[in-house]
Amino acid sequence: MQGKQALVLLVDDVTEIVEELLTFMELHGIPAVGVSDLDEAMAALEGNPAIRVLACDVRLGRESGLMIVSRIRDHAVLCQRPFNYLFITGDPLLQDPSLQMPDHMVLTKPVQPQILIDVLRDMLGELENSAQQGDV
């Protein structure tokens, strides 16, 4: 979205999915940027300080999208920022007790685009309400 800072980071290794969902988000007034892997995701987060929600596919080629959490936690600056996490998967997502996960949402593929938009709006609203209450 031109002229608006991105609030959502979309991470998916399928370029066509990223482009389609970014277009859909733009049509619904949700400013977002999209990337295809975790390295690009970290760079996008560093370059876009307004991002508050990460929507990440769990399977990113050879990477696990869940690893974005530990990469943010280990980053000197990004670990200080509040994020809401949305993971998208085609498989049942089993909780790994060794992975310390923050609160997060999971959508199962195929994701209906309108449901994605509704969830993103809810997540953006949650962070906005927390910031207004001084929780963030």
N, C-alpha and C. Protein backbone atom coordinates (compact mmCIF):
# COMPACT_ATOMS: atom_id res chain seq x y z
N MET A 1 0.84 -1.16 0.00
CA MET A 1 0.00 0.00 0.00
C MET A 1 0.89 1.22 0.00
N GLN A 2 0.65 2.08 -0.91
CA GLN A 2 1.48 3.26 -1.03
C GLN A 2 1.08 4.29 0.02
N GLY A 3 2.10 4.91 0.64
CA GLY A 3 1.85 5.97 1.58
C GLY A 3 1.48 5.49 2.98
N LYS A 4 1.30 4.23 3.19
CA LYS A 4 0.97 3.70 4.52
C LYS A 4 2.06 2.74 4.95
N GLN A 5 2.44 2.84 6.21
CA GLN A 5 3.42 1.90 6.73
C GLN A 5 2.78 0.53 6.93
N ALA A 6 3.54 -0.50 6.58
CA ALA A 6 3.04 -1.86 6.72
C ALA A 6 2.81 -2.19 8.19
N LEU A 7 1.66 -2.82 8.47
CA LEU A 7 1.33 -3.29 9.81
C LEU A 7 1.42 -4.81 9.91
N VAL A 8 1.40 -5.47 8.74
CA VAL A 8 1.41 -6.93 8.69
C VAL A 8 2.58 -7.40 7.82
N LEU A 9 3.26 -8.44 8.28
CA LEU A 9 4.29 -9.10 7.49
C LEU A 9 3.77 -10.48 7.12
N LEU A 10 3.70 -10.76 5.83
CA LEU A 10 3.26 -12.05 5.31
C LEU A 10 4.49 -12.82 4.85
N VAL A 11 4.65 -14.04 5.35
CA VAL A 11 5.80 -14.87 4.99
C VAL A 11 5.29 -16.18 4.39
N ASP A 12 5.59 -16.40 3.11
CA ASP A 12 5.21 -17.63 2.42
C ASP A 12 6.21 -17.84 1.30
N ASP A 13 6.65 -19.08 1.10
CA ASP A 13 7.65 -19.37 0.08
C ASP A 13 7.06 -19.47 -1.32
N VAL A 14 5.75 -19.36 -1.46
CA VAL A 14 5.11 -19.39 -2.78
C VAL A 14 4.78 -17.95 -3.18
N THR A 15 5.53 -17.43 -4.15
CA THR A 15 5.42 -16.04 -4.56
C THR A 15 3.99 -15.66 -4.97
N GLU A 16 3.32 -16.55 -5.67
CA GLU A 16 1.97 -16.26 -6.14
C GLU A 16 1.00 -16.07 -4.98
N ILE A 17 1.17 -16.87 -3.93
CA ILE A 17 0.32 -16.73 -2.75
C ILE A 17 0.58 -15.40 -2.07
N VAL A 18 1.85 -15.03 -1.93
CA VAL A 18 2.20 -13.75 -1.32
C VAL A 18 1.55 -12.61 -2.11
N GLU A 19 1.72 -12.62 -3.43
CA GLU A 19 1.17 -11.54 -4.25
C GLU A 19 -0.35 -11.47 -4.15
N GLU A 20 -1.01 -12.63 -4.20
CA GLU A 20 -2.47 -12.66 -4.14
C GLU A 20 -2.99 -12.14 -2.79
N LEU A 21 -2.37 -12.60 -1.71
CA LEU A 21 -2.83 -12.18 -0.39
C LEU A 21 -2.50 -10.71 -0.11
N LEU A 22 -1.36 -10.23 -0.59
CA LEU A 22 -1.04 -8.81 -0.42
C LEU A 22 -2.07 -7.94 -1.15
N THR A 23 -2.45 -8.36 -2.35
CA THR A 23 -3.47 -7.62 -3.10
C THR A 23 -4.79 -7.63 -2.34
N PHE A 24 -5.17 -8.78 -1.81
CA PHE A 24 -6.42 -8.90 -1.07
C PHE A 24 -6.39 -8.02 0.19
N MET A 25 -5.26 -8.02 0.89
CA MET A 25 -5.13 -7.17 2.08
C MET A 25 -5.23 -5.70 1.71
N GLU A 26 -4.59 -5.33 0.62
CA GLU A 26 -4.65 -3.93 0.18
C GLU A 26 -6.08 -3.52 -0.13
N LEU A 27 -6.83 -4.38 -0.79
CA LEU A 27 -8.23 -4.09 -1.11
C LEU A 27 -9.07 -3.91 0.16
N HIS A 28 -8.63 -4.52 1.25
CA HIS A 28 -9.36 -4.43 2.52
C HIS A 28 -8.72 -3.44 3.49
N GLY A 29 -7.80 -2.62 3.00
CA GLY A 29 -7.23 -1.56 3.82
C GLY A 29 -6.24 -2.00 4.87
N ILE A 30 -5.61 -3.14 4.67
CA ILE A 30 -4.60 -3.62 5.61
C ILE A 30 -3.23 -3.48 4.96
N PRO A 31 -2.42 -2.51 5.40
CA PRO A 31 -1.09 -2.34 4.81
C PRO A 31 -0.16 -3.47 5.21
N ALA A 32 0.45 -4.10 4.20
CA ALA A 32 1.28 -5.27 4.46
C ALA A 32 2.45 -5.34 3.49
N VAL A 33 3.47 -6.10 3.89
CA VAL A 33 4.58 -6.46 3.02
C VAL A 33 4.70 -7.97 3.05
N GLY A 34 5.25 -8.53 1.98
CA GLY A 34 5.39 -9.98 1.90
C GLY A 34 6.80 -10.38 1.53
N VAL A 35 7.24 -11.50 2.09
CA VAL A 35 8.57 -12.05 1.82
C VAL A 35 8.45 -13.56 1.70
N SER A 36 9.56 -14.20 1.25
CA SER A 36 9.48 -15.63 0.98
C SER A 36 10.29 -16.51 1.94
N ASP A 37 11.09 -15.91 2.83
CA ASP A 37 11.84 -16.74 3.79
C ASP A 37 12.14 -15.96 5.06
N LEU A 38 12.72 -16.63 6.03
CA LEU A 38 12.95 -16.03 7.34
C LEU A 38 14.01 -14.93 7.32
N ASP A 39 15.03 -15.07 6.47
CA ASP A 39 16.03 -14.01 6.37
C ASP A 39 15.39 -12.72 5.87
N GLU A 40 14.57 -12.84 4.83
CA GLU A 40 13.86 -11.68 4.30
C GLU A 40 12.88 -11.13 5.34
N ALA A 41 12.28 -12.02 6.12
CA ALA A 41 11.34 -11.60 7.16
C ALA A 41 12.05 -10.74 8.20
N MET A 42 13.22 -11.17 8.64
CA MET A 42 13.97 -10.39 9.64
C MET A 42 14.35 -9.03 9.08
N ALA A 43 14.79 -8.98 7.83
CA ALA A 43 15.14 -7.70 7.20
C ALA A 43 13.90 -6.81 7.09
N ALA A 44 12.76 -7.40 6.73
CA ALA A 44 11.52 -6.62 6.62
C ALA A 44 11.10 -6.06 7.97
N LEU A 45 11.25 -6.84 9.02
CA LEU A 45 10.90 -6.36 10.36
C LEU A 45 11.82 -5.22 10.79
N GLU A 46 13.11 -5.35 10.49
CA GLU A 46 14.05 -4.28 10.83
C GLU A 46 13.73 -3.00 10.07
N GLY A 47 13.31 -3.14 8.81
CA GLY A 47 13.05 -1.98 7.96
C GLY A 47 11.65 -1.40 8.06
N ASN A 48 10.77 -2.07 8.78
CA ASN A 48 9.37 -1.63 8.89
C ASN A 48 8.95 -1.65 10.35
N PRO A 49 9.27 -0.59 11.09
CA PRO A 49 9.01 -0.60 12.53
C PRO A 49 7.53 -0.59 12.91
N ALA A 50 6.63 -0.35 11.96
CA ALA A 50 5.20 -0.33 12.29
C ALA A 50 4.57 -1.73 12.25
N ILE A 51 5.28 -2.73 11.71
CA ILE A 51 4.71 -4.08 11.62
C ILE A 51 4.38 -4.58 13.03
N ARG A 52 3.15 -5.07 13.17
CA ARG A 52 2.69 -5.57 14.47
C ARG A 52 2.19 -7.00 14.41
N VAL A 53 1.88 -7.49 13.21
CA VAL A 53 1.36 -8.85 13.07
C VAL A 53 2.20 -9.60 12.05
N LEU A 54 2.60 -10.82 12.40
CA LEU A 54 3.30 -11.70 11.47
C LEU A 54 2.37 -12.83 11.09
N ALA A 55 2.10 -12.96 9.80
CA ALA A 55 1.32 -14.07 9.26
C ALA A 55 2.30 -14.94 8.49
N CYS A 56 2.57 -16.12 9.02
CA CYS A 56 3.68 -16.92 8.51
C CYS A 56 3.24 -18.35 8.22
N ASP A 57 3.58 -18.82 7.01
CA ASP A 57 3.36 -20.22 6.68
C ASP A 57 4.31 -21.06 7.53
N VAL A 58 3.85 -22.19 7.99
CA VAL A 58 4.69 -23.05 8.82
C VAL A 58 5.79 -23.72 8.00
N ARG A 59 5.46 -24.12 6.76
CA ARG A 59 6.46 -24.77 5.91
C ARG A 59 6.99 -23.77 4.89
N LEU A 60 8.25 -23.41 5.06
CA LEU A 60 8.91 -22.47 4.15
C LEU A 60 10.09 -23.19 3.50
N GLY A 61 9.81 -24.03 2.53
CA GLY A 61 10.88 -24.81 1.92
C GLY A 61 11.52 -25.68 2.98
N ARG A 62 12.82 -25.44 3.24
CA ARG A 62 13.54 -26.24 4.24
C ARG A 62 13.46 -25.63 5.64
N GLU A 63 12.85 -24.46 5.76
CA GLU A 63 12.74 -23.79 7.05
C GLU A 63 11.37 -24.04 7.67
N SER A 64 11.33 -23.91 8.98
CA SER A 64 10.06 -23.91 9.68
C SER A 64 9.69 -22.47 10.00
N GLY A 65 8.50 -22.07 9.60
CA GLY A 65 8.05 -20.72 9.88
C GLY A 65 7.97 -20.43 11.37
N LEU A 66 7.85 -21.47 12.19
CA LEU A 66 7.79 -21.29 13.63
C LEU A 66 9.09 -20.71 14.18
N MET A 67 10.19 -20.89 13.45
CA MET A 67 11.49 -20.40 13.91
C MET A 67 11.58 -18.88 13.92
N ILE A 68 10.62 -18.20 13.30
CA ILE A 68 10.62 -16.74 13.34
C ILE A 68 10.56 -16.25 14.78
N VAL A 69 9.87 -17.01 15.63
CA VAL A 69 9.73 -16.61 17.04
C VAL A 69 11.09 -16.56 17.73
N SER A 70 11.88 -17.62 17.60
CA SER A 70 13.18 -17.62 18.27
C SER A 70 14.14 -16.62 17.63
N ARG A 71 14.02 -16.41 16.33
CA ARG A 71 14.90 -15.42 15.68
C ARG A 71 14.59 -14.02 16.18
N ILE A 72 13.33 -13.72 16.39
CA ILE A 72 12.95 -12.41 16.94
C ILE A 72 13.40 -12.32 18.39
N ARG A 73 13.18 -13.37 19.15
CA ARG A 73 13.55 -13.39 20.57
C ARG A 73 15.06 -13.17 20.74
N ASP A 74 15.88 -13.67 19.80
CA ASP A 74 17.33 -13.55 19.89
C ASP A 74 17.87 -12.24 19.31
N HIS A 75 17.02 -11.44 18.70
CA HIS A 75 17.44 -10.19 18.06
C HIS A 75 17.42 -9.06 19.09
N ALA A 76 18.52 -8.30 19.16
CA ALA A 76 18.67 -7.27 20.18
C ALA A 76 17.56 -6.22 20.16
N VAL A 77 17.09 -5.85 18.99
CA VAL A 77 16.08 -4.78 18.87
C VAL A 77 14.67 -5.35 18.73
N LEU A 78 14.51 -6.32 17.85
CA LEU A 78 13.17 -6.85 17.57
C LEU A 78 12.54 -7.52 18.79
N CYS A 79 13.34 -8.05 19.69
CA CYS A 79 12.79 -8.71 20.87
C CYS A 79 12.03 -7.74 21.78
N GLN A 80 12.27 -6.45 21.59
CA GLN A 80 11.60 -5.43 22.39
C GLN A 80 10.23 -5.01 21.83
N ARG A 81 9.95 -5.41 20.59
CA ARG A 81 8.70 -5.01 19.94
C ARG A 81 7.59 -6.03 20.18
N PRO A 82 6.36 -5.55 20.37
CA PRO A 82 5.24 -6.49 20.53
C PRO A 82 4.73 -6.97 19.18
N PHE A 83 4.56 -8.25 19.04
CA PHE A 83 4.01 -8.83 17.80
C PHE A 83 2.89 -9.81 18.15
N ASN A 84 1.92 -9.90 17.26
CA ASN A 84 0.96 -10.98 17.27
C ASN A 84 1.37 -11.94 16.17
N TYR A 85 1.26 -13.23 16.44
CA TYR A 85 1.68 -14.25 15.48
C TYR A 85 0.49 -15.04 14.97
N LEU A 86 0.45 -15.20 13.65
CA LEU A 86 -0.55 -16.04 12.99
C LEU A 86 0.21 -17.04 12.13
N PHE A 87 0.05 -18.32 12.42
CA PHE A 87 0.71 -19.36 11.63
C PHE A 87 -0.32 -20.05 10.76
N ILE A 88 0.09 -20.33 9.53
CA ILE A 88 -0.80 -20.95 8.55
C ILE A 88 -0.18 -22.29 8.16
N THR A 89 -0.98 -23.35 8.25
CA THR A 89 -0.44 -24.68 7.99
C THR A 89 -1.45 -25.57 7.29
N GLY A 90 -0.92 -26.51 6.54
CA GLY A 90 -1.76 -27.52 5.91
C GLY A 90 -1.83 -28.78 6.74
N ASP A 91 -1.06 -28.84 7.80
CA ASP A 91 -0.99 -30.02 8.67
C ASP A 91 -1.48 -29.64 10.06
N PRO A 92 -1.92 -30.63 10.84
CA PRO A 92 -2.23 -30.32 12.24
C PRO A 92 -0.97 -29.80 12.92
N LEU A 93 -1.10 -28.72 13.65
CA LEU A 93 0.06 -28.12 14.31
C LEU A 93 0.12 -28.65 15.74
N LEU A 94 1.08 -29.55 15.98
CA LEU A 94 1.25 -30.11 17.31
C LEU A 94 2.18 -29.22 18.12
N GLN A 95 1.85 -29.02 19.36
CA GLN A 95 2.66 -28.18 20.24
C GLN A 95 3.97 -28.88 20.56
N ASP A 96 5.08 -28.21 20.28
CA ASP A 96 6.40 -28.73 20.61
C ASP A 96 6.82 -28.13 21.95
N PRO A 97 6.88 -28.93 23.02
CA PRO A 97 7.19 -28.37 24.34
C PRO A 97 8.57 -27.73 24.43
N SER A 98 9.49 -28.09 23.53
CA SER A 98 10.83 -27.49 23.58
C SER A 98 10.86 -26.10 22.93
N LEU A 99 9.83 -25.77 22.20
CA LEU A 99 9.75 -24.48 21.53
C LEU A 99 8.89 -23.55 22.38
N GLN A 100 9.51 -22.52 22.92
CA GLN A 100 8.77 -21.57 23.74
C GLN A 100 8.01 -20.62 22.83
N MET A 101 6.70 -20.84 22.74
CA MET A 101 5.88 -20.07 21.81
C MET A 101 5.05 -19.03 22.56
N PRO A 102 5.00 -17.82 22.03
CA PRO A 102 4.09 -16.82 22.60
C PRO A 102 2.66 -17.18 22.18
N ASP A 103 1.70 -16.46 22.72
CA ASP A 103 0.33 -16.65 22.26
C ASP A 103 0.30 -16.47 20.75
N HIS A 104 -0.48 -17.31 20.08
CA HIS A 104 -0.54 -17.22 18.63
C HIS A 104 -1.84 -17.83 18.13
N MET A 105 -2.16 -17.53 16.89
CA MET A 105 -3.33 -18.10 16.22
C MET A 105 -2.81 -19.06 15.15
N VAL A 106 -3.64 -20.04 14.80
CA VAL A 106 -3.30 -20.96 13.72
C VAL A 106 -4.51 -21.05 12.79
N LEU A 107 -4.26 -20.89 11.51
CA LEU A 107 -5.28 -21.13 10.49
C LEU A 107 -4.83 -22.33 9.67
N THR A 108 -5.77 -23.20 9.34
CA THR A 108 -5.47 -24.39 8.56
C THR A 108 -5.84 -24.16 7.10
N LYS A 109 -4.95 -24.59 6.21
CA LYS A 109 -5.19 -24.46 4.78
C LYS A 109 -6.26 -25.46 4.34
N PRO A 110 -7.03 -25.15 3.32
CA PRO A 110 -7.01 -23.88 2.59
C PRO A 110 -7.68 -22.78 3.41
N VAL A 111 -7.02 -21.65 3.49
CA VAL A 111 -7.53 -20.52 4.26
C VAL A 111 -8.45 -19.69 3.37
N GLN A 112 -9.64 -19.44 3.87
CA GLN A 112 -10.54 -18.56 3.14
C GLN A 112 -10.05 -17.14 3.35
N PRO A 113 -9.83 -16.40 2.25
CA PRO A 113 -9.26 -15.05 2.37
C PRO A 113 -10.02 -14.12 3.31
N GLN A 114 -11.35 -14.19 3.34
CA GLN A 114 -12.10 -13.30 4.23
C GLN A 114 -11.85 -13.63 5.69
N ILE A 115 -11.67 -14.91 5.99
CA ILE A 115 -11.35 -15.30 7.37
C ILE A 115 -9.98 -14.75 7.75
N LEU A 116 -9.03 -14.83 6.84
CA LEU A 116 -7.70 -14.26 7.08
C LEU A 116 -7.80 -12.77 7.39
N ILE A 117 -8.57 -12.05 6.60
CA ILE A 117 -8.75 -10.60 6.81
C ILE A 117 -9.36 -10.34 8.18
N ASP A 118 -10.39 -11.10 8.53
CA ASP A 118 -11.05 -10.91 9.83
C ASP A 118 -10.09 -11.17 10.98
N VAL A 119 -9.30 -12.23 10.88
CA VAL A 119 -8.33 -12.55 11.94
C VAL A 119 -7.27 -11.45 12.03
N LEU A 120 -6.76 -10.98 10.90
CA LEU A 120 -5.75 -9.92 10.92
C LEU A 120 -6.31 -8.65 11.55
N ARG A 121 -7.54 -8.29 11.20
CA ARG A 121 -8.16 -7.10 11.81
C ARG A 121 -8.29 -7.26 13.32
N ASP A 122 -8.71 -8.45 13.76
CA ASP A 122 -8.82 -8.71 15.20
C ASP A 122 -7.46 -8.57 15.87
N MET A 123 -6.43 -9.15 15.25
CA MET A 123 -5.09 -9.11 15.85
C MET A 123 -4.55 -7.68 15.90
N LEU A 124 -4.77 -6.92 14.86
CA LEU A 124 -4.33 -5.52 14.85
C LEU A 124 -5.08 -4.72 15.91
N GLY A 125 -6.36 -5.02 16.08
CA GLY A 125 -7.15 -4.34 17.10
C GLY A 125 -6.70 -4.68 18.51
N GLU A 126 -6.31 -5.95 18.73
CA GLU A 126 -5.82 -6.36 20.05
C GLU A 126 -4.58 -5.58 20.43
N LEU A 127 -3.66 -5.44 19.51
CA LEU A 127 -2.43 -4.70 19.81
C LEU A 127 -2.71 -3.23 20.02
N GLU A 128 -3.62 -2.68 19.24
CA GLU A 128 -3.98 -1.27 19.39
C GLU A 128 -4.60 -1.03 20.76
N ASN A 129 -5.50 -1.92 21.18
CA ASN A 129 -6.13 -1.78 22.50
C ASN A 129 -5.12 -1.92 23.62
N SER A 130 -4.15 -2.83 23.49
CA SER A 130 -3.12 -3.00 24.51
C SER A 130 -2.26 -1.76 24.61
N ALA A 131 -1.91 -1.16 23.48
CA ALA A 131 -1.09 0.04 23.47
C ALA A 131 -1.82 1.20 24.14
N GLN A 132 -3.12 1.30 23.91
CA GLN A 132 -3.91 2.38 24.52
C GLN A 132 -4.02 2.20 26.01
N GLN A 133 -4.00 0.95 26.48
CA GLN A 133 -4.10 0.67 27.90
C GLN A 133 -2.74 0.69 28.60
N GLY A 134 -1.68 0.88 27.82
CA GLY A 134 -0.33 0.93 28.38
C GLY A 134 0.29 -0.42 28.62
N ASP A 135 -0.29 -1.48 28.05
CA ASP A 135 0.25 -2.83 28.24
C ASP A 135 1.44 -3.11 27.37
N VAL A 136 1.63 -2.33 26.31
CA VAL A 136 2.70 -2.62 25.36
C VAL A 136 3.85 -1.70 25.58
